[in-house]
Amino acid sequence: MHEAGVTFGPVATPADLAHDRQARAVEALAPFEGTDMLTIMSPFHVEGSPKARPRLAAEIGAHSAEVLAEAGYDPAYIARLRGLGVVG
């Protein structure tokens, strides 16, 4: 194929990519902080500034109390909402 001028290469599956040495070497794939689960990293590099490591998203409701408090709700009302299952 090469002699005929045909561009070719392997066709990888998503599962194959996790083991791709080049993708890992250039940090195109990196594990989430504290896990072995991979994610795609930003393709942008800023000289002199390290990339932030990927983190998993917060659990649902993890910041509800802080957000409600910033909106002016008092702790007793927030606890009531939590007790009623309105917020997590």
PDB file of N, CA and C in Angstrom:
ATOM      1  N   MET A   1       0.828  -1.196   0.000  1.00  0.00           N
ATOM      2  CA  MET A   1       0.000   0.000   0.000  1.00  0.00           C
ATOM      3  C   MET A   1       0.869   1.255   0.000  1.00  0.00           C
ATOM      4  N   HIS A   2       1.952   1.210   0.771  1.00  0.00           N
ATOM      5  CA  HIS A   2       2.825   2.378   0.842  1.00  0.00           C
ATOM      6  C   HIS A   2       3.402   2.702  -0.539  1.00  0.00           C
ATOM      7  N   GLU A   3       3.852   1.658  -1.249  1.00  0.00           N
ATOM      8  CA  GLU A   3       4.416   1.868  -2.578  1.00  0.00           C
ATOM      9  C   GLU A   3       3.395   2.447  -3.550  1.00  0.00           C
ATOM     10  N   ALA A   4       2.116   2.153  -3.339  1.00  0.00           N
ATOM     11  CA  ALA A   4       1.050   2.648  -4.209  1.00  0.00           C
ATOM     12  C   ALA A   4       0.610   4.058  -3.805  1.00  0.00           C
ATOM     13  N   GLY A   5       1.194   4.604  -2.707  1.00  0.00           N
ATOM     14  CA  GLY A   5       0.836   5.952  -2.288  1.00  0.00           C
ATOM     15  C   GLY A   5      -0.452   6.025  -1.489  1.00  0.00           C
ATOM     16  N   VAL A   6      -0.877   4.885  -0.983  1.00  0.00           N
ATOM     17  CA  VAL A   6      -2.114   4.852  -0.203  1.00  0.00           C
ATOM     18  C   VAL A   6      -1.787   5.153   1.257  1.00  0.00           C
ATOM     19  N   THR A   7      -2.481   6.156   1.803  1.00  0.00           N
ATOM     20  CA  THR A   7      -2.319   6.465   3.217  1.00  0.00           C
ATOM     21  C   THR A   7      -3.086   5.430   4.019  1.00  0.00           C
ATOM     22  N   PHE A   8      -2.428   4.849   4.995  1.00  0.00           N
ATOM     23  CA  PHE A   8      -3.088   3.825   5.792  1.00  0.00           C
ATOM     24  C   PHE A   8      -2.520   3.832   7.202  1.00  0.00           C
ATOM     25  N   GLY A   9      -3.225   3.193   8.075  1.00  0.00           N
ATOM     26  CA  GLY A   9      -2.786   3.065   9.460  1.00  0.00           C
ATOM     27  C   GLY A   9      -3.780   2.225  10.225  1.00  0.00           C
ATOM     28  N   PRO A  10      -3.446   1.929  11.462  1.00  0.00           N
ATOM     29  CA  PRO A  10      -4.353   1.097  12.242  1.00  0.00           C
ATOM     30  C   PRO A  10      -5.642   1.840  12.570  1.00  0.00           C
ATOM     31  N   VAL A  11      -6.707   1.092  12.694  1.00  0.00           N
ATOM     32  CA  VAL A  11      -7.982   1.638  13.142  1.00  0.00           C
ATOM     33  C   VAL A  11      -8.146   1.196  14.593  1.00  0.00           C
ATOM     34  N   ALA A  12      -8.069   2.162  15.490  1.00  0.00           N
ATOM     35  CA  ALA A  12      -8.122   1.838  16.916  1.00  0.00           C
ATOM     36  C   ALA A  12      -9.540   1.970  17.451  1.00  0.00           C
ATOM     37  N   THR A  13      -9.825   1.168  18.453  1.00  0.00           N
ATOM     38  CA  THR A  13     -11.088   1.288  19.168  1.00  0.00           C
ATOM     39  C   THR A  13     -10.834   2.143  20.414  1.00  0.00           C
ATOM     40  N   PRO A  14     -11.868   2.665  21.053  1.00  0.00           N
ATOM     41  CA  PRO A  14     -11.649   3.412  22.293  1.00  0.00           C
ATOM     42  C   PRO A  14     -10.862   2.609  23.335  1.00  0.00           C
ATOM     43  N   ALA A  15     -11.094   1.326  23.421  1.00  0.00           N
ATOM     44  CA  ALA A  15     -10.356   0.495  24.378  1.00  0.00           C
ATOM     45  C   ALA A  15      -8.873   0.437  24.030  1.00  0.00           C
ATOM     46  N   ASP A  16      -8.536   0.462  22.736  1.00  0.00           N
ATOM     47  CA  ASP A  16      -7.134   0.449  22.313  1.00  0.00           C
ATOM     48  C   ASP A  16      -6.411   1.720  22.729  1.00  0.00           C
ATOM     49  N   LEU A  17      -7.113   2.829  22.733  1.00  0.00           N
ATOM     50  CA  LEU A  17      -6.472   4.115  23.008  1.00  0.00           C
ATOM     51  C   LEU A  17      -5.884   4.188  24.405  1.00  0.00           C
ATOM     52  N   ALA A  18      -6.482   3.516  25.360  1.00  0.00           N
ATOM     53  CA  ALA A  18      -5.979   3.546  26.728  1.00  0.00           C
ATOM     54  C   ALA A  18      -4.570   2.964  26.821  1.00  0.00           C
ATOM     55  N   HIS A  19      -4.194   2.131  25.853  1.00  0.00           N
ATOM     56  CA  HIS A  19      -2.874   1.489  25.867  1.00  0.00           C
ATOM     57  C   HIS A  19      -1.933   2.083  24.826  1.00  0.00           C
ATOM     58  N   ASP A  20      -2.341   3.169  24.192  1.00  0.00           N
ATOM     59  CA  ASP A  20      -1.522   3.795  23.154  1.00  0.00           C
ATOM     60  C   ASP A  20      -0.358   4.552  23.796  1.00  0.00           C
ATOM     61  N   ARG A  21       0.868   4.087  23.534  1.00  0.00           N
ATOM     62  CA  ARG A  21       2.053   4.696  24.171  1.00  0.00           C
ATOM     63  C   ARG A  21       2.221   6.163  23.785  1.00  0.00           C
ATOM     64  N   GLN A  22       1.942   6.506  22.536  1.00  0.00           N
ATOM     65  CA  GLN A  22       2.119   7.889  22.102  1.00  0.00           C
ATOM     66  C   GLN A  22       1.100   8.807  22.780  1.00  0.00           C
ATOM     67  N   ALA A  23      -0.146   8.384  22.855  1.00  0.00           N
ATOM     68  CA  ALA A  23      -1.176   9.200  23.506  1.00  0.00           C
ATOM     69  C   ALA A  23      -0.835   9.436  24.973  1.00  0.00           C
ATOM     70  N   ARG A  24      -0.280   8.424  25.631  1.00  0.00           N
ATOM     71  CA  ARG A  24       0.102   8.573  27.038  1.00  0.00           C
ATOM     72  C   ARG A  24       1.349   9.453  27.161  1.00  0.00           C
ATOM     73  N   ALA A  25       2.317   9.288  26.250  1.00  0.00           N
ATOM     74  CA  ALA A  25       3.574  10.038  26.324  1.00  0.00           C
ATOM     75  C   ALA A  25       3.359  11.540  26.157  1.00  0.00           C
ATOM     76  N   VAL A  26       2.441  11.930  25.293  1.00  0.00           N
ATOM     77  CA  VAL A  26       2.192  13.362  25.072  1.00  0.00           C
ATOM     78  C   VAL A  26       1.077  13.882  25.972  1.00  0.00           C
ATOM     79  N   GLU A  27       0.634  13.031  26.902  1.00  0.00           N
ATOM     80  CA  GLU A  27      -0.424  13.364  27.858  1.00  0.00           C
ATOM     81  C   GLU A  27      -1.734  13.768  27.174  1.00  0.00           C
ATOM     82  N   ALA A  28      -2.017  13.131  26.025  1.00  0.00           N
ATOM     83  CA  ALA A  28      -3.325  13.321  25.403  1.00  0.00           C
ATOM     84  C   ALA A  28      -4.376  12.616  26.242  1.00  0.00           C
ATOM     85  N   LEU A  29      -3.959  11.566  26.922  1.00  0.00           N
ATOM     86  CA  LEU A  29      -4.813  10.840  27.864  1.00  0.00           C
ATOM     87  C   LEU A  29      -4.140  10.890  29.222  1.00  0.00           C
ATOM     88  N   ALA A  30      -4.909  11.143  30.249  1.00  0.00           N
ATOM     89  CA  ALA A  30      -4.359  11.187  31.599  1.00  0.00           C
ATOM     90  C   ALA A  30      -5.406  10.681  32.578  1.00  0.00           C
ATOM     91  N   PRO A  31      -4.966  10.090  33.681  1.00  0.00           N
ATOM     92  CA  PRO A  31      -5.934   9.591  34.658  1.00  0.00           C
ATOM     93  C   PRO A  31      -6.538  10.725  35.477  1.00  0.00           C
ATOM     94  N   PHE A  32      -7.811  10.545  35.854  1.00  0.00           N
ATOM     95  CA  PHE A  32      -8.424  11.466  36.801  1.00  0.00           C
ATOM     96  C   PHE A  32      -7.654  11.359  38.105  1.00  0.00           C
ATOM     97  N   GLU A  33      -7.537  12.454  38.821  1.00  0.00           N
ATOM     98  CA  GLU A  33      -6.827  12.494  40.096  1.00  0.00           C
ATOM     99  C   GLU A  33      -7.371  11.410  41.037  1.00  0.00           C
ATOM    100  N   GLY A  34      -6.465  10.571  41.538  1.00  0.00           N
ATOM    101  CA  GLY A  34      -6.842   9.546  42.496  1.00  0.00           C
ATOM    102  C   GLY A  34      -7.467   8.298  41.912  1.00  0.00           C
ATOM    103  N   THR A  35      -7.494   8.169  40.578  1.00  0.00           N
ATOM    104  CA  THR A  35      -8.094   6.984  39.948  1.00  0.00           C
ATOM    105  C   THR A  35      -7.214   6.503  38.802  1.00  0.00           C
ATOM    106  N   ASP A  36      -7.588   5.371  38.225  1.00  0.00           N
ATOM    107  CA  ASP A  36      -6.934   4.866  37.014  1.00  0.00           C
ATOM    108  C   ASP A  36      -7.770   5.177  35.779  1.00  0.00           C
ATOM    109  N   MET A  37      -8.953   5.795  35.962  1.00  0.00           N
ATOM    110  CA  MET A  37      -9.850   6.098  34.857  1.00  0.00           C
ATOM    111  C   MET A  37      -9.253   7.240  34.015  1.00  0.00           C
ATOM    112  N   LEU A  38      -9.176   7.033  32.714  1.00  0.00           N
ATOM    113  CA  LEU A  38      -8.563   8.012  31.815  1.00  0.00           C
ATOM    114  C   LEU A  38      -9.573   8.994  31.246  1.00  0.00           C
ATOM    115  N   THR A  39      -9.064  10.179  30.922  1.00  0.00           N
ATOM    116  CA  THR A  39      -9.848  11.184  30.222  1.00  0.00           C
ATOM    117  C   THR A  39      -8.950  11.860  29.197  1.00  0.00           C
ATOM    118  N   ILE A  40      -9.556  12.578  28.285  1.00  0.00           N
ATOM    119  CA  ILE A  40      -8.801  13.299  27.265  1.00  0.00           C
ATOM    120  C   ILE A  40      -8.376  14.641  27.846  1.00  0.00           C
ATOM    121  N   MET A  41      -7.094  14.940  27.731  1.00  0.00           N
ATOM    122  CA  MET A  41      -6.560  16.204  28.239  1.00  0.00           C
ATOM    123  C   MET A  41      -6.719  17.302  27.177  1.00  0.00           C
ATOM    124  N   SER A  42      -6.647  18.531  27.616  1.00  0.00           N
ATOM    125  CA  SER A  42      -6.679  19.667  26.708  1.00  0.00           C
ATOM    126  C   SER A  42      -5.474  19.593  25.770  1.00  0.00           C
ATOM    127  N   PRO A  43      -5.676  19.917  24.505  1.00  0.00           N
ATOM    128  CA  PRO A  43      -4.545  19.876  23.577  1.00  0.00           C
ATOM    129  C   PRO A  43      -3.646  21.113  23.687  1.00  0.00           C
ATOM    130  N   PHE A  44      -4.016  22.078  24.503  1.00  0.00           N
ATOM    131  CA  PHE A  44      -3.257  23.315  24.595  1.00  0.00           C
ATOM    132  C   PHE A  44      -2.199  23.238  25.686  1.00  0.00           C
ATOM    133  N   HIS A  45      -1.020  23.736  25.363  1.00  0.00           N
ATOM    134  CA  HIS A  45       0.078  23.813  26.318  1.00  0.00           C
ATOM    135  C   HIS A  45       0.480  25.275  26.438  1.00  0.00           C
ATOM    136  N   VAL A  46       0.645  25.763  27.654  1.00  0.00           N
ATOM    137  CA  VAL A  46       1.123  27.119  27.884  1.00  0.00           C
ATOM    138  C   VAL A  46       2.517  26.985  28.482  1.00  0.00           C
ATOM    139  N   GLU A  47       3.510  27.489  27.759  1.00  0.00           N
ATOM    140  CA  GLU A  47       4.889  27.354  28.206  1.00  0.00           C
ATOM    141  C   GLU A  47       5.069  27.935  29.609  1.00  0.00           C
ATOM    142  N   GLY A  48       5.711  27.151  30.473  1.00  0.00           N
ATOM    143  CA  GLY A  48       5.984  27.595  31.831  1.00  0.00           C
ATOM    144  C   GLY A  48       4.836  27.384  32.803  1.00  0.00           C
ATOM    145  N   SER A  49       3.733  26.843  32.319  1.00  0.00           N
ATOM    146  CA  SER A  49       2.568  26.628  33.186  1.00  0.00           C
ATOM    147  C   SER A  49       2.133  25.165  33.088  1.00  0.00           C
ATOM    148  N   PRO A  50       2.224  24.434  34.191  1.00  0.00           N
ATOM    149  CA  PRO A  50       1.814  23.027  34.131  1.00  0.00           C
ATOM    150  C   PRO A  50       0.302  22.900  33.966  1.00  0.00           C
ATOM    151  N   LYS A  51      -0.100  21.842  33.303  1.00  0.00           N
ATOM    152  CA  LYS A  51      -1.533  21.589  33.137  1.00  0.00           C
ATOM    153  C   LYS A  51      -2.131  21.139  34.460  1.00  0.00           C
ATOM    154  N   ALA A  52      -3.358  21.538  34.703  1.00  0.00           N
ATOM    155  CA  ALA A  52      -4.086  21.053  35.874  1.00  0.00           C
ATOM    156  C   ALA A  52      -4.466  19.604  35.625  1.00  0.00           C
ATOM    157  N   ARG A  53      -4.275  18.761  36.606  1.00  0.00           N
ATOM    158  CA  ARG A  53      -4.653  17.358  36.474  1.00  0.00           C
ATOM    159  C   ARG A  53      -6.172  17.239  36.515  1.00  0.00           C
ATOM    160  N   PRO A  54      -6.756  16.368  35.713  1.00  0.00           N
ATOM    161  CA  PRO A  54      -8.211  16.222  35.717  1.00  0.00           C
ATOM    162  C   PRO A  54      -8.720  15.650  37.040  1.00  0.00           C
ATOM    163  N   ARG A  55      -9.864  16.170  37.473  1.00  0.00           N
ATOM    164  CA  ARG A  55     -10.508  15.695  38.700  1.00  0.00           C
ATOM    165  C   ARG A  55     -11.927  15.264  38.367  1.00  0.00           C
ATOM    166  N   LEU A  56     -12.434  14.342  39.153  1.00  0.00           N
ATOM    167  CA  LEU A  56     -13.823  13.932  38.990  1.00  0.00           C
ATOM    168  C   LEU A  56     -14.730  15.061  39.456  1.00  0.00           C
ATOM    169  N   ALA A  57     -15.906  15.138  38.909  1.00  0.00           N
ATOM    170  CA  ALA A  57     -16.884  16.145  39.316  1.00  0.00           C
ATOM    171  C   ALA A  57     -17.346  15.872  40.742  1.00  0.00           C
ATOM    172  N   ALA A  58     -17.789  16.913  41.412  1.00  0.00           N
ATOM    173  CA  ALA A  58     -18.322  16.770  42.764  1.00  0.00           C
ATOM    174  C   ALA A  58     -19.601  15.927  42.724  1.00  0.00           C
ATOM    175  N   GLU A  59     -19.893  15.279  43.827  1.00  0.00           N
ATOM    176  CA  GLU A  59     -21.126  14.509  43.937  1.00  0.00           C
ATOM    177  C   GLU A  59     -22.332  15.444  43.842  1.00  0.00           C
ATOM    178  N   ILE A  60     -23.456  14.934  43.383  1.00  0.00           N
ATOM    179  CA  ILE A  60     -24.677  15.737  43.303  1.00  0.00           C
ATOM    180  C   ILE A  60     -25.024  16.240  44.706  1.00  0.00           C
ATOM    181  N   GLY A  61     -25.233  17.525  44.808  1.00  0.00           N
ATOM    182  CA  GLY A  61     -25.602  18.130  46.085  1.00  0.00           C
ATOM    183  C   GLY A  61     -24.442  18.505  46.970  1.00  0.00           C
ATOM    184  N   ALA A  62     -23.211  18.255  46.529  1.00  0.00           N
ATOM    185  CA  ALA A  62     -22.047  18.514  47.368  1.00  0.00           C
ATOM    186  C   ALA A  62     -21.929  19.981  47.773  1.00  0.00           C
ATOM    187  N   HIS A  63     -22.413  20.885  46.945  1.00  0.00           N
ATOM    188  CA  HIS A  63     -22.271  22.316  47.225  1.00  0.00           C
ATOM    189  C   HIS A  63     -23.604  23.014  47.483  1.00  0.00           C
ATOM    190  N   SER A  64     -24.661  22.234  47.638  1.00  0.00           N
ATOM    191  CA  SER A  64     -25.991  22.827  47.809  1.00  0.00           C
ATOM    192  C   SER A  64     -26.058  23.780  48.991  1.00  0.00           C
ATOM    193  N   ALA A  65     -25.534  23.372  50.139  1.00  0.00           N
ATOM    194  CA  ALA A  65     -25.611  24.220  51.335  1.00  0.00           C
ATOM    195  C   ALA A  65     -24.875  25.538  51.119  1.00  0.00           C
ATOM    196  N   GLU A  66     -23.688  25.479  50.511  1.00  0.00           N
ATOM    197  CA  GLU A  66     -22.926  26.712  50.263  1.00  0.00           C
ATOM    198  C   GLU A  66     -23.655  27.642  49.299  1.00  0.00           C
ATOM    199  N   VAL A  67     -24.219  27.080  48.242  1.00  0.00           N
ATOM    200  CA  VAL A  67     -24.929  27.891  47.252  1.00  0.00           C
ATOM    201  C   VAL A  67     -26.165  28.527  47.880  1.00  0.00           C
ATOM    202  N   LEU A  68     -26.919  27.750  48.630  1.00  0.00           N
ATOM    203  CA  LEU A  68     -28.115  28.292  49.276  1.00  0.00           C
ATOM    204  C   LEU A  68     -27.760  29.343  50.326  1.00  0.00           C
ATOM    205  N   ALA A  69     -26.678  29.114  51.067  1.00  0.00           N
ATOM    206  CA  ALA A  69     -26.247  30.103  52.056  1.00  0.00           C
ATOM    207  C   ALA A  69     -25.844  31.405  51.374  1.00  0.00           C
ATOM    208  N   GLU A  70     -25.133  31.309  50.253  1.00  0.00           N
ATOM    209  CA  GLU A  70     -24.748  32.516  49.507  1.00  0.00           C
ATOM    210  C   GLU A  70     -25.976  33.237  48.961  1.00  0.00           C
ATOM    211  N   ALA A  71     -27.049  32.492  48.694  1.00  0.00           N
ATOM    212  CA  ALA A  71     -28.290  33.094  48.204  1.00  0.00           C
ATOM    213  C   ALA A  71     -29.122  33.683  49.341  1.00  0.00           C
ATOM    214  N   GLY A  72     -28.646  33.538  50.591  1.00  0.00           N
ATOM    215  CA  GLY A  72     -29.314  34.162  51.718  1.00  0.00           C
ATOM    216  C   GLY A  72     -30.159  33.251  52.586  1.00  0.00           C
ATOM    217  N   TYR A  73     -30.182  31.952  52.303  1.00  0.00           N
ATOM    218  CA  TYR A  73     -30.962  31.036  53.119  1.00  0.00           C
ATOM    219  C   TYR A  73     -30.198  30.705  54.402  1.00  0.00           C
ATOM    220  N   ASP A  74     -30.926  30.625  55.513  1.00  0.00           N
ATOM    221  CA  ASP A  74     -30.277  30.343  56.795  1.00  0.00           C
ATOM    222  C   ASP A  74     -30.083  28.834  56.963  1.00  0.00           C
ATOM    223  N   PRO A  75     -29.141  28.440  57.835  1.00  0.00           N
ATOM    224  CA  PRO A  75     -28.828  27.014  58.006  1.00  0.00           C
ATOM    225  C   PRO A  75     -30.029  26.152  58.392  1.00  0.00           C
ATOM    226  N   ALA A  76     -30.952  26.670  59.205  1.00  0.00           N
ATOM    227  CA  ALA A  76     -32.118  25.882  59.605  1.00  0.00           C
ATOM    228  C   ALA A  76     -33.012  25.572  58.403  1.00  0.00           C
ATOM    229  N   TYR A  77     -33.194  26.568  57.520  1.00  0.00           N
ATOM    230  CA  TYR A  77     -34.028  26.350  56.336  1.00  0.00           C
ATOM    231  C   TYR A  77     -33.350  25.370  55.377  1.00  0.00           C
ATOM    232  N   ILE A  78     -32.041  25.497  55.237  1.00  0.00           N
ATOM    233  CA  ILE A  78     -31.291  24.577  54.369  1.00  0.00           C
ATOM    234  C   ILE A  78     -31.411  23.153  54.909  1.00  0.00           C
ATOM    235  N   ALA A  79     -31.309  22.989  56.237  1.00  0.00           N
ATOM    236  CA  ALA A  79     -31.447  21.662  56.849  1.00  0.00           C
ATOM    237  C   ALA A  79     -32.861  21.124  56.598  1.00  0.00           C
ATOM    238  N   ARG A  80     -33.856  21.985  56.673  1.00  0.00           N
ATOM    239  CA  ARG A  80     -35.233  21.557  56.395  1.00  0.00           C
ATOM    240  C   ARG A  80     -35.376  21.073  54.960  1.00  0.00           C
ATOM    241  N   LEU A  81     -34.820  21.839  54.004  1.00  0.00           N
ATOM    242  CA  LEU A  81     -34.865  21.430  52.603  1.00  0.00           C
ATOM    243  C   LEU A  81     -34.166  20.077  52.412  1.00  0.00           C
ATOM    244  N   ARG A  82     -33.043  19.914  53.075  1.00  0.00           N
ATOM    245  CA  ARG A  82     -32.319  18.647  52.964  1.00  0.00           C
ATOM    246  C   ARG A  82     -33.154  17.516  53.543  1.00  0.00           C
ATOM    247  N   GLY A  83     -33.779  17.747  54.692  1.00  0.00           N
ATOM    248  CA  GLY A  83     -34.628  16.745  55.326  1.00  0.00           C
ATOM    249  C   GLY A  83     -35.813  16.334  54.478  1.00  0.00           C
ATOM    250  N   LEU A  84     -36.327  17.279  53.712  1.00  0.00           N
ATOM    251  CA  LEU A  84     -37.454  17.003  52.820  1.00  0.00           C
ATOM    252  C   LEU A  84     -37.021  16.353  51.507  1.00  0.00           C
ATOM    253  N   GLY A  85     -35.718  16.270  51.302  1.00  0.00           N
ATOM    254  CA  GLY A  85     -35.202  15.676  50.066  1.00  0.00           C
ATOM    255  C   GLY A  85     -35.217  16.629  48.888  1.00  0.00           C
ATOM    256  N   VAL A  86     -35.415  17.923  49.159  1.00  0.00           N
ATOM    257  CA  VAL A  86     -35.436  18.914  48.081  1.00  0.00           C
ATOM    258  C   VAL A  86     -34.032  19.106  47.519  1.00  0.00           C
ATOM    259  N   VAL A  87     -33.036  19.110  48.397  1.00  0.00           N
ATOM    260  CA  VAL A  87     -31.630  19.236  47.976  1.00  0.00           C
ATOM    261  C   VAL A  87     -30.852  18.082  48.565  1.00  0.00           C
ATOM    262  N   GLY A  88     -29.741  17.765  47.898  1.00  0.00           N
ATOM    263  CA  GLY A  88     -28.905  16.656  48.359  1.00  0.00           C
ATOM    264  C   GLY A  88     -27.876  17.085  49.362  1.00  0.00           C
TER     265      GLY A  88
END
